[in-house]
C-alpha atoms as a PDB file:
ATOM      1  CA  UNK A   1     105.236   5.130 116.273  1.00  0.00           C
ATOM      2  CA  UNK A   2     108.134   6.086 118.478  1.00  0.00           C
ATOM      3  CA  UNK A   3     107.613   9.234 120.590  1.00  0.00           C
ATOM      4  CA  UNK A   4     110.848  10.670 119.185  1.00  0.00           C
ATOM      5  CA  UNK A   5     109.151  11.051 115.798  1.00  0.00           C
ATOM      6  CA  UNK A   6     106.260  12.989 117.341  1.00  0.00           C
ATOM      7  CA  UNK A   7     108.719  15.436 118.894  1.00  0.00           C
ATOM      8  CA  UNK A   8     110.523  15.885 115.577  1.00  0.00           C
ATOM      9  CA  UNK A   9     107.168  16.355 113.828  1.00  0.00           C
ATOM     10  CA  UNK A  10     106.225  19.064 116.357  1.00  0.00           C
ATOM     11  CA  UNK A  11     109.608  20.751 115.805  1.00  0.00           C
ATOM     12  CA  UNK A  12     109.001  20.681 112.036  1.00  0.00           C
ATOM     13  CA  UNK A  13     105.603  22.318 112.541  1.00  0.00           C
ATOM     14  CA  UNK A  14     107.139  25.039 114.725  1.00  0.00           C
ATOM     15  CA  UNK A  15     109.920  25.655 112.193  1.00  0.00           C
ATOM     16  CA  UNK A  16     107.377  25.873 109.359  1.00  0.00           C
ATOM     17  CA  UNK A  17     105.335  28.325 111.426  1.00  0.00           C
ATOM     18  CA  UNK A  18     108.487  30.370 112.002  1.00  0.00           C
ATOM     19  CA  UNK A  19     109.176  30.368 108.267  1.00  0.00           C
ATOM     20  CA  UNK A  20     105.586  31.360 107.436  1.00  0.00           C
ATOM     21  CA  UNK A  21     104.849  33.897 110.195  1.00  0.00           C
ATOM     22  CA  UNK A  22     108.092  34.960 111.936  1.00  0.00           C
ATOM     23  CA  UNK A  23     106.424  37.971 113.574  1.00  0.00           C
ATOM     24  CA  UNK A  24     104.804  35.619 116.095  1.00  0.00           C
ATOM     25  CA  UNK A  25     108.224  34.750 117.522  1.00  0.00           C
ATOM     26  CA  UNK A  26     109.248  38.366 118.228  1.00  0.00           C
ATOM     27  CA  UNK A  27     107.445  39.462 121.407  1.00  0.00           C
ATOM     28  CA  UNK A  28     108.834  43.022 121.463  1.00  0.00           C
ATOM     29  CA  UNK A  29     107.399  45.153 118.612  1.00  0.00           C
ATOM     30  CA  UNK A  30     110.493  47.404 118.679  1.00  0.00           C
ATOM     31  CA  UNK A  31     112.620  44.502 117.457  1.00  0.00           C
ATOM     32  CA  UNK A  32     110.440  43.723 114.418  1.00  0.00           C
ATOM     33  CA  UNK A  33     112.783  45.195 111.855  1.00  0.00           C
ATOM     34  CA  UNK A  34     112.569  43.832 108.297  1.00  0.00           C
ATOM     35  CA  UNK A  35     116.085  42.443 108.549  1.00  0.00           C
ATOM     36  CA  UNK A  36     115.346  40.539 111.783  1.00  0.00           C
ATOM     37  CA  UNK A  37     112.073  39.164 110.392  1.00  0.00           C
ATOM     38  CA  UNK A  38     113.903  37.997 107.260  1.00  0.00           C
ATOM     39  CA  UNK A  39     116.575  36.329 109.393  1.00  0.00           C
ATOM     40  CA  UNK A  40     113.950  34.447 111.412  1.00  0.00           C
ATOM     41  CA  UNK A  41     112.198  33.385 108.218  1.00  0.00           C
ATOM     42  CA  UNK A  42     115.475  32.027 106.831  1.00  0.00           C
ATOM     43  CA  UNK A  43     116.268  30.179 110.050  1.00  0.00           C
ATOM     44  CA  UNK A  44     112.801  28.610 110.117  1.00  0.00           C
ATOM     45  CA  UNK A  45     113.092  27.489 106.511  1.00  0.00           C
ATOM     46  CA  UNK A  46     116.511  25.911 106.975  1.00  0.00           C
ATOM     47  CA  UNK A  47     115.596  24.172 110.231  1.00  0.00           C
ATOM     48  CA  UNK A  48     112.386  22.768 108.741  1.00  0.00           C
ATOM     49  CA  UNK A  49     114.286  21.483 105.701  1.00  0.00           C
ATOM     50  CA  UNK A  50     116.984  19.818 107.757  1.00  0.00           C
ATOM     51  CA  UNK A  51     114.465  18.180 110.083  1.00  0.00           C
ATOM     52  CA  UNK A  52     112.350  16.903 107.182  1.00  0.00           C
ATOM     53  CA  UNK A  53     115.397  15.377 105.492  1.00  0.00           C
ATOM     54  CA  UNK A  54     116.524  13.833 108.776  1.00  0.00           C
ATOM     55  CA  UNK A  55     113.051  12.406 109.433  1.00  0.00           C
ATOM     56  CA  UNK A  56     112.774  10.830 105.976  1.00  0.00           C
ATOM     57  CA  UNK A  57     116.257   9.369 106.176  1.00  0.00           C
ATOM     58  CA  UNK A  58     115.480   7.923 109.596  1.00  0.00           C
ATOM     59  CA  UNK A  59     112.122   6.486 108.550  1.00  0.00           C
ATOM     60  CA  UNK A  60     113.040   4.979 105.185  1.00  0.00           C
ATOM     61  CA  UNK A  61     116.632   3.874 105.759  1.00  0.00           C
ATOM     62  CA  UNK A  62     115.633   0.904 107.897  1.00  0.00           C
END
C-alpha cells in the first residue's frame, strides 16, 4: 500500500476523533463554549466525510 494512503487514513482517524470528542482539541478551558465545540464537531464530521469519499474514489477508480 502506498504511504499516501496511510497518511490519509491517519487524517481520517483524527477527523473522526475531532467529530467524536472535540474537547480534546481545545487546550484552553476558557474557550470551550458550546458554540465552539459544536463548530469543531461539524468541521471534524465534514473533513472525515470528504476524506473518506476521496479515499474510496482513489482506491476503486483504478
